[in-house]
Protein backbone atom coordinates (compact mmCIF):
# COMPACT_ATOMS: atom_id res chain seq x y z
CA MET A 1 34.53 120.52 105.07
CA ALA A 2 32.11 121.04 107.47
CA ASP A 3 33.24 122.84 110.76
CA PRO A 4 33.95 120.90 113.48
CA LYS A 5 32.99 121.79 117.22
CA LEU A 6 34.60 124.38 118.95
CA THR A 7 35.29 124.95 122.41
CA ALA A 8 34.69 128.34 124.14
CA LYS A 9 38.01 129.27 123.67
CA GLU A 10 38.17 129.12 119.84
CA LYS A 11 34.73 130.56 119.69
CA SER A 12 35.91 133.71 121.62
CA GLN A 13 38.97 133.89 119.43
CA ILE A 14 36.43 133.60 116.28
CA ALA A 15 34.70 136.26 117.72
CA TYR A 16 37.14 139.01 118.37
CA TYR A 17 39.34 137.90 115.22
CA THR A 18 35.97 139.15 113.43
CA GLY A 19 35.05 141.91 115.23
CA ARG A 20 38.26 143.52 114.55
CA MET A 21 37.78 142.27 110.73
CA CYS A 22 34.67 144.97 111.04
CA LYS A 23 36.72 147.53 112.34
CA GLN A 24 39.12 147.64 110.06
CA SER A 25 37.33 147.46 107.01
CA LEU A 26 35.64 150.46 107.89
CA ALA A 27 39.12 152.00 106.74
CA GLU A 28 39.80 152.28 102.79
CA GLY A 29 41.29 149.79 101.08
CA ALA A 30 41.94 147.58 104.30
CA ASP A 31 43.79 144.36 103.77
CA LEU A 32 41.52 141.60 105.21
CA SER A 33 43.77 138.67 104.42
CA ASP A 34 45.59 138.72 107.88
CA TRP A 35 42.32 138.45 109.94
CA GLU A 36 41.02 135.88 108.06
CA LYS A 37 44.33 133.77 107.89
CA LYS A 38 43.98 133.74 111.65
CA ILE A 39 40.43 132.33 111.74
CA ASP A 40 41.15 129.92 109.25
CA ARG A 41 44.04 128.63 111.54
CA VAL A 42 41.91 128.42 114.42
CA LEU A 43 39.54 126.41 112.62
CA ASP A 44 42.45 124.14 111.42
CA GLY A 45 43.45 123.43 114.96
CA ALA A 46 39.93 122.64 115.59
CA ARG A 47 39.57 119.79 113.12
CA GLU A 48 42.93 118.73 114.09
CA ARG A 49 41.47 117.98 117.87
CA GLU A 50 38.05 116.45 116.72
CA GLN A 51 40.08 114.38 114.62
CA ASP A 52 42.93 113.35 117.15
CA GLY A 53 39.78 112.53 119.69
CA LYS A 54 38.27 110.38 117.31
CA LYS A 55 41.09 108.27 116.81
């Protein structure tokens, strides 16, 4: 599935979450699944927004 076009807010959220993931990944035994879920939630919201706009 192709990623939707992102707004500036969504881009900044993904960049922030990715940065936090990188910082947390330096710790041994870090669980990054919570950050991945947050990024997925932003992408899901963008997909829904794009679908609503096309209808």
